[in-house]
Amino acid sequence: MKYLIVGLGNIGAEYQNTRHNIGFTILDAFAKASNVFFTENRYGSTCEIKIKGRTLLLLKPSTFMNLSGNALCYWMKKKEIAIENVLVVVDDIALLFGTLRLKPKGSDAGHNGLKNIQEILGHNNYARLRFGLGDDFPRGKQIAYVLGKWTTEQSEALPERVERATEIIQSFCLAGLELTMTQYNNKK
């Protein structure tokens, strides 16, 4: 069984370790823990992880956030992965920092990466793991906050939250969406 795990983010040194790149950060941690390395490919960096008879293709799109749907659709078709086995890892300012929510579908909530994926797919029926960034920014400063670096306090808490996110990804692939939501969605 094959899965496509897409971590949303932007390429380039100026975006490294920013809040908006949490999808890349989580996939990097997952790959490192699995002793695999990303290689540059069409529409992004990819690596494969094998877990209990399943193949997970991790994808960090190189299309920039606003065109993430192009990368997702290309790899979904190339590897013949069903939409039920696709998981998008994304940041969310509507959730408190570090909150993790797995959803089977939903709106783009104003997120340009999700908006593009929905436009390309023609629907919003795909799983997404939302990582809370919080909304601790002055009115009109959302972009600066999202593209900003983590605070010291956030940086200290980040490794544990990233590790929990990788557990959720594994559970999604091994136990399925519903059981994973039940197990993780209301835990701190």
N, C-alpha and C. Protein backbone atom coordinates (compact mmCIF):
# COMPACT_ATOMS: atom_id res chain seq x y z
N MET A 1 0.84 -1.17 0.00
CA MET A 1 0.00 0.00 0.00
C MET A 1 0.89 1.24 0.00
N LYS A 2 0.52 2.25 -0.82
CA LYS A 2 1.33 3.45 -0.97
C LYS A 2 0.60 4.67 -0.42
N TYR A 3 1.39 5.57 0.19
CA TYR A 3 0.88 6.81 0.76
C TYR A 3 1.73 7.98 0.28
N LEU A 4 1.09 9.12 0.12
CA LEU A 4 1.78 10.36 -0.23
C LEU A 4 1.57 11.33 0.92
N ILE A 5 2.69 11.72 1.53
CA ILE A 5 2.67 12.67 2.64
C ILE A 5 3.31 13.96 2.13
N VAL A 6 2.52 15.03 2.06
CA VAL A 6 2.98 16.29 1.49
C VAL A 6 3.12 17.32 2.61
N GLY A 7 4.34 17.77 2.84
CA GLY A 7 4.59 18.83 3.82
C GLY A 7 4.64 20.16 3.09
N LEU A 8 3.78 21.09 3.48
CA LEU A 8 3.75 22.37 2.78
C LEU A 8 4.79 23.32 3.37
N GLY A 9 5.39 24.09 2.47
CA GLY A 9 6.40 25.07 2.85
C GLY A 9 6.90 25.78 1.62
N ASN A 10 7.89 26.64 1.82
CA ASN A 10 8.51 27.37 0.72
C ASN A 10 9.99 27.02 0.66
N ILE A 11 10.52 26.90 -0.56
CA ILE A 11 11.94 26.62 -0.71
C ILE A 11 12.74 27.91 -0.56
N GLY A 12 13.99 27.74 -0.20
CA GLY A 12 14.89 28.88 -0.06
C GLY A 12 15.31 29.11 1.38
N ALA A 13 16.55 29.55 1.54
CA ALA A 13 17.13 29.75 2.87
C ALA A 13 16.33 30.74 3.72
N GLU A 14 15.75 31.76 3.07
CA GLU A 14 15.02 32.78 3.84
C GLU A 14 13.76 32.23 4.51
N TYR A 15 13.29 31.06 4.06
CA TYR A 15 12.09 30.46 4.64
C TYR A 15 12.39 29.35 5.64
N GLN A 16 13.65 28.93 5.73
CA GLN A 16 14.00 27.86 6.66
C GLN A 16 13.68 28.28 8.09
N ASN A 17 13.17 27.35 8.86
CA ASN A 17 12.84 27.56 10.27
C ASN A 17 11.82 28.67 10.50
N THR A 18 10.96 28.89 9.52
CA THR A 18 9.85 29.82 9.72
C THR A 18 8.60 29.01 10.06
N ARG A 19 7.64 29.69 10.62
CA ARG A 19 6.39 29.02 11.02
C ARG A 19 5.67 28.40 9.81
N HIS A 20 5.68 29.13 8.70
CA HIS A 20 4.95 28.68 7.51
C HIS A 20 5.55 27.38 6.94
N ASN A 21 6.79 27.07 7.30
CA ASN A 21 7.46 25.89 6.77
C ASN A 21 7.39 24.69 7.70
N ILE A 22 6.43 24.68 8.62
CA ILE A 22 6.34 23.57 9.56
C ILE A 22 6.12 22.23 8.84
N GLY A 23 5.46 22.24 7.69
CA GLY A 23 5.28 21.00 6.93
C GLY A 23 6.62 20.41 6.51
N PHE A 24 7.53 21.26 6.05
CA PHE A 24 8.89 20.81 5.68
C PHE A 24 9.61 20.31 6.93
N THR A 25 9.50 21.05 8.03
CA THR A 25 10.20 20.70 9.27
C THR A 25 9.78 19.32 9.75
N ILE A 26 8.49 19.05 9.72
CA ILE A 26 7.98 17.75 10.19
C ILE A 26 8.47 16.63 9.28
N LEU A 27 8.43 16.82 7.97
CA LEU A 27 8.91 15.77 7.06
C LEU A 27 10.41 15.57 7.18
N ASP A 28 11.16 16.65 7.39
CA ASP A 28 12.61 16.51 7.60
C ASP A 28 12.89 15.66 8.83
N ALA A 29 12.14 15.90 9.91
CA ALA A 29 12.33 15.13 11.15
C ALA A 29 11.96 13.67 10.95
N PHE A 30 10.89 13.42 10.21
CA PHE A 30 10.45 12.05 9.93
C PHE A 30 11.52 11.31 9.12
N ALA A 31 12.05 11.97 8.09
CA ALA A 31 13.08 11.35 7.26
C ALA A 31 14.34 11.07 8.08
N LYS A 32 14.75 12.04 8.89
CA LYS A 32 15.95 11.88 9.71
C LYS A 32 15.80 10.71 10.68
N ALA A 33 14.64 10.61 11.33
CA ALA A 33 14.38 9.51 12.28
C ALA A 33 14.36 8.15 11.58
N SER A 34 14.06 8.16 10.28
CA SER A 34 13.99 6.92 9.50
C SER A 34 15.28 6.64 8.73
N ASN A 35 16.28 7.50 8.93
CA ASN A 35 17.58 7.36 8.24
C ASN A 35 17.46 7.35 6.73
N VAL A 36 16.61 8.21 6.20
CA VAL A 36 16.51 8.38 4.75
C VAL A 36 16.76 9.85 4.43
N PHE A 37 17.09 10.11 3.17
CA PHE A 37 17.44 11.46 2.76
C PHE A 37 16.59 11.88 1.58
N PHE A 38 16.27 13.16 1.54
CA PHE A 38 15.51 13.71 0.42
C PHE A 38 16.43 13.89 -0.78
N THR A 39 15.86 13.66 -1.97
CA THR A 39 16.57 13.96 -3.21
C THR A 39 15.69 14.89 -4.03
N GLU A 40 16.34 15.73 -4.82
CA GLU A 40 15.61 16.67 -5.67
C GLU A 40 14.99 15.91 -6.84
N ASN A 41 13.72 16.16 -7.06
CA ASN A 41 13.00 15.53 -8.16
C ASN A 41 12.09 16.58 -8.79
N ARG A 42 11.30 16.14 -9.74
CA ARG A 42 10.36 17.05 -10.38
C ARG A 42 9.35 17.54 -9.36
N TYR A 43 9.12 18.82 -9.31
CA TYR A 43 8.17 19.48 -8.42
C TYR A 43 8.49 19.37 -6.94
N GLY A 44 9.68 18.87 -6.57
CA GLY A 44 10.01 18.87 -5.15
C GLY A 44 11.04 17.85 -4.75
N SER A 45 11.34 17.85 -3.47
CA SER A 45 12.25 16.88 -2.87
C SER A 45 11.42 15.72 -2.34
N THR A 46 11.90 14.51 -2.58
CA THR A 46 11.15 13.33 -2.14
C THR A 46 12.07 12.32 -1.47
N CYS A 47 11.48 11.47 -0.66
CA CYS A 47 12.14 10.28 -0.13
C CYS A 47 11.07 9.25 0.19
N GLU A 48 11.48 8.01 0.28
CA GLU A 48 10.53 6.93 0.59
C GLU A 48 10.91 6.28 1.91
N ILE A 49 9.87 6.00 2.68
CA ILE A 49 10.03 5.29 3.94
C ILE A 49 9.14 4.06 3.89
N LYS A 50 9.69 2.92 4.27
CA LYS A 50 8.93 1.67 4.32
C LYS A 50 8.61 1.35 5.77
N ILE A 51 7.31 1.15 6.04
CA ILE A 51 6.86 0.81 7.39
C ILE A 51 5.82 -0.31 7.29
N LYS A 52 6.14 -1.46 7.84
CA LYS A 52 5.19 -2.58 7.94
C LYS A 52 4.43 -2.82 6.64
N GLY A 53 5.15 -2.99 5.55
CA GLY A 53 4.53 -3.31 4.27
C GLY A 53 3.93 -2.13 3.53
N ARG A 54 4.09 -0.95 4.08
CA ARG A 54 3.57 0.25 3.43
C ARG A 54 4.74 1.11 2.95
N THR A 55 4.52 1.79 1.85
CA THR A 55 5.51 2.72 1.31
C THR A 55 4.98 4.13 1.44
N LEU A 56 5.73 4.97 2.15
CA LEU A 56 5.35 6.36 2.33
C LEU A 56 6.27 7.23 1.47
N LEU A 57 5.68 7.95 0.54
CA LEU A 57 6.45 8.91 -0.25
C LEU A 57 6.29 10.27 0.42
N LEU A 58 7.38 10.80 0.95
CA LEU A 58 7.37 12.12 1.55
C LEU A 58 7.73 13.14 0.48
N LEU A 59 6.96 14.22 0.39
CA LEU A 59 7.16 15.23 -0.63
C LEU A 59 7.20 16.62 -0.01
N LYS A 60 8.28 17.34 -0.32
CA LYS A 60 8.38 18.76 0.02
C LYS A 60 8.35 19.51 -1.32
N PRO A 61 7.20 20.08 -1.68
CA PRO A 61 7.09 20.72 -3.00
C PRO A 61 8.08 21.86 -3.20
N SER A 62 8.59 21.97 -4.42
CA SER A 62 9.49 23.06 -4.78
C SER A 62 8.74 24.14 -5.55
N THR A 63 7.43 24.05 -5.56
CA THR A 63 6.59 24.95 -6.35
C THR A 63 6.19 26.21 -5.58
N PHE A 64 6.70 26.37 -4.38
CA PHE A 64 6.27 27.42 -3.45
C PHE A 64 4.85 27.11 -3.00
N MET A 65 4.51 27.64 -1.85
CA MET A 65 3.25 27.33 -1.18
C MET A 65 2.03 27.49 -2.09
N ASN A 66 1.98 28.59 -2.83
CA ASN A 66 0.77 28.92 -3.58
C ASN A 66 0.51 28.00 -4.78
N LEU A 67 1.45 27.14 -5.12
CA LEU A 67 1.26 26.20 -6.24
C LEU A 67 1.47 24.75 -5.79
N SER A 68 1.24 24.49 -4.53
CA SER A 68 1.46 23.15 -3.96
C SER A 68 0.65 22.07 -4.65
N GLY A 69 -0.51 22.41 -5.19
CA GLY A 69 -1.37 21.44 -5.85
C GLY A 69 -0.72 20.79 -7.05
N ASN A 70 0.11 21.52 -7.76
CA ASN A 70 0.81 20.96 -8.93
C ASN A 70 1.70 19.79 -8.53
N ALA A 71 2.46 19.98 -7.46
CA ALA A 71 3.36 18.93 -6.98
C ALA A 71 2.58 17.74 -6.46
N LEU A 72 1.56 18.01 -5.65
CA LEU A 72 0.76 16.93 -5.09
C LEU A 72 0.15 16.08 -6.19
N CYS A 73 -0.49 16.72 -7.16
CA CYS A 73 -1.15 15.96 -8.24
C CYS A 73 -0.16 15.20 -9.11
N TYR A 74 0.98 15.80 -9.39
CA TYR A 74 1.98 15.11 -10.21
C TYR A 74 2.41 13.80 -9.54
N TRP A 75 2.77 13.86 -8.25
CA TRP A 75 3.28 12.67 -7.56
C TRP A 75 2.17 11.66 -7.27
N MET A 76 0.97 12.16 -7.03
CA MET A 76 -0.17 11.26 -6.82
C MET A 76 -0.40 10.40 -8.06
N LYS A 77 -0.36 11.04 -9.23
CA LYS A 77 -0.56 10.32 -10.49
C LYS A 77 0.63 9.44 -10.83
N LYS A 78 1.83 9.99 -10.68
CA LYS A 78 3.05 9.24 -11.03
C LYS A 78 3.17 7.94 -10.23
N LYS A 79 2.85 8.01 -8.94
CA LYS A 79 2.98 6.84 -8.07
C LYS A 79 1.67 6.07 -7.90
N GLU A 80 0.61 6.54 -8.60
CA GLU A 80 -0.70 5.89 -8.55
C GLU A 80 -1.18 5.72 -7.11
N ILE A 81 -1.25 6.84 -6.40
CA ILE A 81 -1.68 6.86 -5.01
C ILE A 81 -3.09 7.43 -4.93
N ALA A 82 -3.97 6.68 -4.31
CA ALA A 82 -5.37 7.11 -4.17
C ALA A 82 -5.47 8.30 -3.23
N ILE A 83 -6.44 9.15 -3.46
CA ILE A 83 -6.63 10.35 -2.63
C ILE A 83 -6.84 9.99 -1.16
N GLU A 84 -7.39 8.83 -0.88
CA GLU A 84 -7.59 8.39 0.50
C GLU A 84 -6.28 8.16 1.23
N ASN A 85 -5.19 8.00 0.46
CA ASN A 85 -3.88 7.74 1.03
C ASN A 85 -2.96 8.95 0.93
N VAL A 86 -3.56 10.12 0.77
CA VAL A 86 -2.80 11.37 0.72
C VAL A 86 -3.03 12.12 2.02
N LEU A 87 -1.95 12.65 2.58
CA LEU A 87 -2.02 13.46 3.80
C LEU A 87 -1.19 14.72 3.57
N VAL A 88 -1.81 15.88 3.79
CA VAL A 88 -1.12 17.16 3.65
C VAL A 88 -0.85 17.71 5.05
N VAL A 89 0.41 18.07 5.30
CA VAL A 89 0.83 18.62 6.59
C VAL A 89 0.98 20.13 6.41
N VAL A 90 0.22 20.90 7.21
CA VAL A 90 0.08 22.33 6.96
C VAL A 90 0.03 23.12 8.27
N ASP A 91 0.44 24.39 8.20
CA ASP A 91 0.35 25.28 9.35
C ASP A 91 -1.05 25.86 9.45
N ASP A 92 -1.44 26.27 10.67
CA ASP A 92 -2.78 26.82 10.88
C ASP A 92 -2.75 27.84 12.01
N ILE A 93 -3.03 29.11 11.70
CA ILE A 93 -3.03 30.16 12.72
C ILE A 93 -4.28 30.13 13.59
N ALA A 94 -5.29 29.38 13.18
CA ALA A 94 -6.53 29.31 13.97
C ALA A 94 -6.39 28.38 15.17
N LEU A 95 -5.31 27.61 15.21
CA LEU A 95 -5.07 26.69 16.32
C LEU A 95 -3.96 27.24 17.21
N LEU A 96 -4.06 27.01 18.51
CA LEU A 96 -3.00 27.42 19.43
C LEU A 96 -1.69 26.75 19.04
N PHE A 97 -0.58 27.40 19.38
CA PHE A 97 0.72 26.85 19.03
C PHE A 97 0.86 25.39 19.48
N GLY A 98 1.32 24.56 18.57
CA GLY A 98 1.61 23.16 18.87
C GLY A 98 0.42 22.23 18.83
N THR A 99 -0.79 22.77 18.68
CA THR A 99 -1.98 21.93 18.58
C THR A 99 -1.93 21.17 17.26
N LEU A 100 -2.24 19.89 17.32
CA LEU A 100 -2.25 19.05 16.12
C LEU A 100 -3.65 18.53 15.89
N ARG A 101 -4.18 18.74 14.68
CA ARG A 101 -5.53 18.30 14.34
C ARG A 101 -5.50 17.58 12.99
N LEU A 102 -5.93 16.34 13.01
CA LEU A 102 -6.07 15.57 11.79
C LEU A 102 -7.51 15.68 11.32
N LYS A 103 -7.70 16.04 10.07
CA LYS A 103 -9.05 16.21 9.51
C LYS A 103 -9.16 15.42 8.21
N PRO A 104 -10.36 14.83 7.95
CA PRO A 104 -10.55 14.07 6.72
C PRO A 104 -10.76 14.95 5.49
N LYS A 105 -11.20 16.19 5.72
CA LYS A 105 -11.46 17.14 4.63
C LYS A 105 -11.71 18.48 5.27
N GLY A 106 -12.01 19.49 4.48
CA GLY A 106 -12.32 20.79 5.06
C GLY A 106 -12.01 21.92 4.12
N SER A 107 -12.31 23.11 4.59
CA SER A 107 -12.06 24.30 3.78
C SER A 107 -10.57 24.62 3.79
N ASP A 108 -10.18 25.55 2.92
CA ASP A 108 -8.78 25.96 2.89
C ASP A 108 -8.47 26.93 4.03
N ALA A 109 -9.50 27.47 4.69
CA ALA A 109 -9.35 28.38 5.83
C ALA A 109 -8.42 29.56 5.50
N GLY A 110 -8.43 29.98 4.25
CA GLY A 110 -7.60 31.10 3.83
C GLY A 110 -6.15 30.76 3.57
N HIS A 111 -5.80 29.47 3.65
CA HIS A 111 -4.41 29.04 3.42
C HIS A 111 -4.19 28.85 1.93
N ASN A 112 -3.26 29.60 1.36
CA ASN A 112 -3.05 29.57 -0.09
C ASN A 112 -2.59 28.22 -0.62
N GLY A 113 -1.82 27.48 0.18
CA GLY A 113 -1.40 26.15 -0.25
C GLY A 113 -2.58 25.21 -0.38
N LEU A 114 -3.45 25.21 0.63
CA LEU A 114 -4.64 24.36 0.58
C LEU A 114 -5.60 24.83 -0.51
N LYS A 115 -5.69 26.13 -0.69
CA LYS A 115 -6.57 26.69 -1.73
C LYS A 115 -6.15 26.19 -3.11
N ASN A 116 -4.83 26.17 -3.37
CA ASN A 116 -4.34 25.70 -4.66
C ASN A 116 -4.56 24.20 -4.83
N ILE A 117 -4.34 23.44 -3.77
CA ILE A 117 -4.59 21.99 -3.85
C ILE A 117 -6.05 21.73 -4.19
N GLN A 118 -6.95 22.46 -3.53
CA GLN A 118 -8.38 22.29 -3.79
C GLN A 118 -8.72 22.66 -5.23
N GLU A 119 -8.14 23.73 -5.75
CA GLU A 119 -8.38 24.14 -7.14
C GLU A 119 -7.91 23.07 -8.12
N ILE A 120 -6.72 22.52 -7.89
CA ILE A 120 -6.16 21.52 -8.80
C ILE A 120 -6.95 20.21 -8.72
N LEU A 121 -7.27 19.77 -7.50
CA LEU A 121 -8.02 18.51 -7.33
C LEU A 121 -9.48 18.66 -7.74
N GLY A 122 -10.03 19.84 -7.56
CA GLY A 122 -11.45 20.07 -7.84
C GLY A 122 -12.34 19.71 -6.66
N HIS A 123 -11.74 19.45 -5.49
CA HIS A 123 -12.50 19.13 -4.27
C HIS A 123 -11.58 19.31 -3.06
N ASN A 124 -12.17 19.21 -1.88
CA ASN A 124 -11.39 19.34 -0.65
C ASN A 124 -11.43 18.07 0.20
N ASN A 125 -11.69 16.95 -0.44
CA ASN A 125 -11.80 15.66 0.26
C ASN A 125 -10.46 14.94 0.33
N TYR A 126 -9.55 15.52 1.07
CA TYR A 126 -8.26 14.89 1.31
C TYR A 126 -7.87 15.20 2.76
N ALA A 127 -7.14 14.27 3.37
CA ALA A 127 -6.77 14.43 4.77
C ALA A 127 -5.69 15.48 4.92
N ARG A 128 -5.79 16.19 6.03
CA ARG A 128 -4.75 17.17 6.34
C ARG A 128 -4.46 17.14 7.83
N LEU A 129 -3.19 17.30 8.14
CA LEU A 129 -2.73 17.41 9.52
C LEU A 129 -2.34 18.87 9.72
N ARG A 130 -3.13 19.54 10.55
CA ARG A 130 -2.91 20.98 10.81
C ARG A 130 -2.06 21.14 12.07
N PHE A 131 -1.02 21.97 11.94
CA PHE A 131 -0.12 22.27 13.06
C PHE A 131 -0.39 23.71 13.49
N GLY A 132 -0.82 23.90 14.72
CA GLY A 132 -1.18 25.22 15.21
C GLY A 132 0.01 26.14 15.38
N LEU A 133 -0.12 27.35 14.83
CA LEU A 133 0.90 28.39 14.98
C LEU A 133 0.49 29.41 16.04
N GLY A 134 -0.81 29.46 16.35
CA GLY A 134 -1.32 30.49 17.22
C GLY A 134 -1.58 31.77 16.44
N ASP A 135 -2.15 32.73 17.12
CA ASP A 135 -2.49 34.00 16.44
C ASP A 135 -1.96 35.19 17.23
N ASP A 136 -0.78 35.02 17.78
CA ASP A 136 -0.17 36.04 18.63
C ASP A 136 0.55 37.10 17.79
N PHE A 137 -0.24 37.84 17.02
CA PHE A 137 0.33 38.89 16.18
C PHE A 137 -0.64 40.06 16.11
N PRO A 138 -0.12 41.27 15.91
CA PRO A 138 -0.99 42.44 15.81
C PRO A 138 -1.84 42.39 14.54
N ARG A 139 -2.96 43.06 14.59
CA ARG A 139 -3.86 43.13 13.44
C ARG A 139 -3.10 43.59 12.19
N GLY A 140 -3.29 42.86 11.08
CA GLY A 140 -2.64 43.21 9.83
C GLY A 140 -1.22 42.69 9.69
N LYS A 141 -0.74 41.95 10.69
CA LYS A 141 0.65 41.45 10.67
C LYS A 141 0.72 39.93 10.51
N GLN A 142 -0.35 39.35 9.97
CA GLN A 142 -0.41 37.89 9.82
C GLN A 142 0.72 37.36 8.96
N ILE A 143 0.98 37.99 7.83
CA ILE A 143 2.01 37.49 6.91
C ILE A 143 3.38 37.53 7.58
N ALA A 144 3.69 38.63 8.25
CA ALA A 144 4.98 38.74 8.93
C ALA A 144 5.11 37.66 10.01
N TYR A 145 4.02 37.39 10.73
CA TYR A 145 4.05 36.37 11.78
C TYR A 145 4.28 34.98 11.18
N VAL A 146 3.51 34.64 10.18
CA VAL A 146 3.60 33.31 9.58
C VAL A 146 4.97 33.08 8.94
N LEU A 147 5.51 34.10 8.30
CA LEU A 147 6.82 33.97 7.66
C LEU A 147 7.97 34.26 8.62
N GLY A 148 7.64 34.53 9.89
CA GLY A 148 8.66 34.81 10.89
C GLY A 148 9.23 33.55 11.51
N LYS A 149 10.31 33.76 12.25
CA LYS A 149 10.98 32.66 12.96
C LYS A 149 10.23 32.36 14.27
N TRP A 150 10.45 31.17 14.79
CA TRP A 150 9.84 30.76 16.04
C TRP A 150 10.40 31.59 17.20
N THR A 151 9.58 31.84 18.21
CA THR A 151 10.07 32.48 19.42
C THR A 151 10.93 31.47 20.18
N THR A 152 11.68 31.94 21.17
CA THR A 152 12.51 31.04 21.98
C THR A 152 11.64 29.98 22.64
N GLU A 153 10.52 30.40 23.20
CA GLU A 153 9.61 29.47 23.88
C GLU A 153 9.07 28.43 22.89
N GLN A 154 8.66 28.87 21.70
CA GLN A 154 8.17 27.94 20.68
C GLN A 154 9.26 26.98 20.23
N SER A 155 10.47 27.50 20.06
CA SER A 155 11.60 26.66 19.62
C SER A 155 11.88 25.54 20.61
N GLU A 156 11.73 25.85 21.90
CA GLU A 156 11.98 24.84 22.93
C GLU A 156 10.91 23.75 22.91
N ALA A 157 9.66 24.12 22.61
CA ALA A 157 8.56 23.16 22.60
C ALA A 157 8.44 22.41 21.27
N LEU A 158 9.06 22.94 20.23
CA LEU A 158 8.88 22.42 18.88
C LEU A 158 9.29 20.95 18.70
N PRO A 159 10.46 20.50 19.20
CA PRO A 159 10.84 19.10 18.95
C PRO A 159 9.80 18.08 19.39
N GLU A 160 9.21 18.29 20.56
CA GLU A 160 8.20 17.34 21.06
C GLU A 160 6.95 17.37 20.18
N ARG A 161 6.53 18.54 19.74
CA ARG A 161 5.34 18.66 18.89
C ARG A 161 5.60 18.07 17.50
N VAL A 162 6.80 18.26 16.99
CA VAL A 162 7.16 17.69 15.69
C VAL A 162 7.18 16.16 15.78
N GLU A 163 7.74 15.65 16.88
CA GLU A 163 7.76 14.19 17.07
C GLU A 163 6.33 13.63 17.14
N ARG A 164 5.43 14.34 17.82
CA ARG A 164 4.03 13.90 17.90
C ARG A 164 3.41 13.90 16.51
N ALA A 165 3.74 14.91 15.70
CA ALA A 165 3.22 14.97 14.33
C ALA A 165 3.69 13.77 13.51
N THR A 166 4.93 13.35 13.69
CA THR A 166 5.42 12.18 12.94
C THR A 166 4.70 10.91 13.41
N GLU A 167 4.37 10.84 14.70
CA GLU A 167 3.59 9.69 15.20
C GLU A 167 2.21 9.67 14.53
N ILE A 168 1.60 10.83 14.38
CA ILE A 168 0.28 10.91 13.76
C ILE A 168 0.35 10.47 12.30
N ILE A 169 1.40 10.88 11.60
CA ILE A 169 1.57 10.47 10.20
C ILE A 169 1.69 8.96 10.10
N GLN A 170 2.52 8.37 10.97
CA GLN A 170 2.66 6.91 10.95
C GLN A 170 1.34 6.22 11.25
N SER A 171 0.62 6.72 12.23
CA SER A 171 -0.66 6.13 12.61
C SER A 171 -1.66 6.24 11.46
N PHE A 172 -1.67 7.37 10.78
CA PHE A 172 -2.56 7.56 9.62
C PHE A 172 -2.32 6.44 8.60
N CYS A 173 -1.06 6.10 8.37
CA CYS A 173 -0.71 5.09 7.37
C CYS A 173 -0.93 3.66 7.88
N LEU A 174 -0.78 3.45 9.16
CA LEU A 174 -0.90 2.09 9.71
C LEU A 174 -2.29 1.77 10.26
N ALA A 175 -2.91 2.72 10.95
CA ALA A 175 -4.19 2.46 11.61
C ALA A 175 -5.38 3.08 10.88
N GLY A 176 -5.10 4.04 10.00
CA GLY A 176 -6.16 4.69 9.26
C GLY A 176 -6.56 6.03 9.87
N LEU A 177 -7.33 6.77 9.11
CA LEU A 177 -7.72 8.12 9.47
C LEU A 177 -8.58 8.18 10.74
N GLU A 178 -9.65 7.41 10.78
CA GLU A 178 -10.60 7.49 11.89
C GLU A 178 -9.97 7.14 13.23
N LEU A 179 -9.25 6.01 13.29
CA LEU A 179 -8.61 5.61 14.54
C LEU A 179 -7.57 6.63 14.97
N THR A 180 -6.83 7.17 14.02
CA THR A 180 -5.80 8.16 14.34
C THR A 180 -6.43 9.44 14.88
N MET A 181 -7.52 9.87 14.27
CA MET A 181 -8.22 11.05 14.78
C MET A 181 -8.68 10.82 16.20
N THR A 182 -9.27 9.66 16.47
CA THR A 182 -9.75 9.34 17.81
C THR A 182 -8.62 9.33 18.82
N GLN A 183 -7.49 8.78 18.42
CA GLN A 183 -6.36 8.64 19.36
C GLN A 183 -5.65 9.97 19.62
N TYR A 184 -5.52 10.82 18.62
CA TYR A 184 -4.64 11.99 18.76
C TYR A 184 -5.33 13.36 18.79
N ASN A 185 -6.50 13.51 18.24
CA ASN A 185 -7.03 14.87 18.06
C ASN A 185 -7.32 15.64 19.34
N ASN A 186 -7.61 15.00 20.42
CA ASN A 186 -7.90 15.75 21.63
C ASN A 186 -6.81 15.66 22.68
N LYS A 187 -5.63 15.20 22.26
CA LYS A 187 -4.50 15.12 23.18
C LYS A 187 -3.64 16.35 23.06
N LYS A 188 -3.04 16.73 24.15
CA LYS A 188 -2.14 17.89 24.16
C LYS A 188 -0.77 17.49 23.66
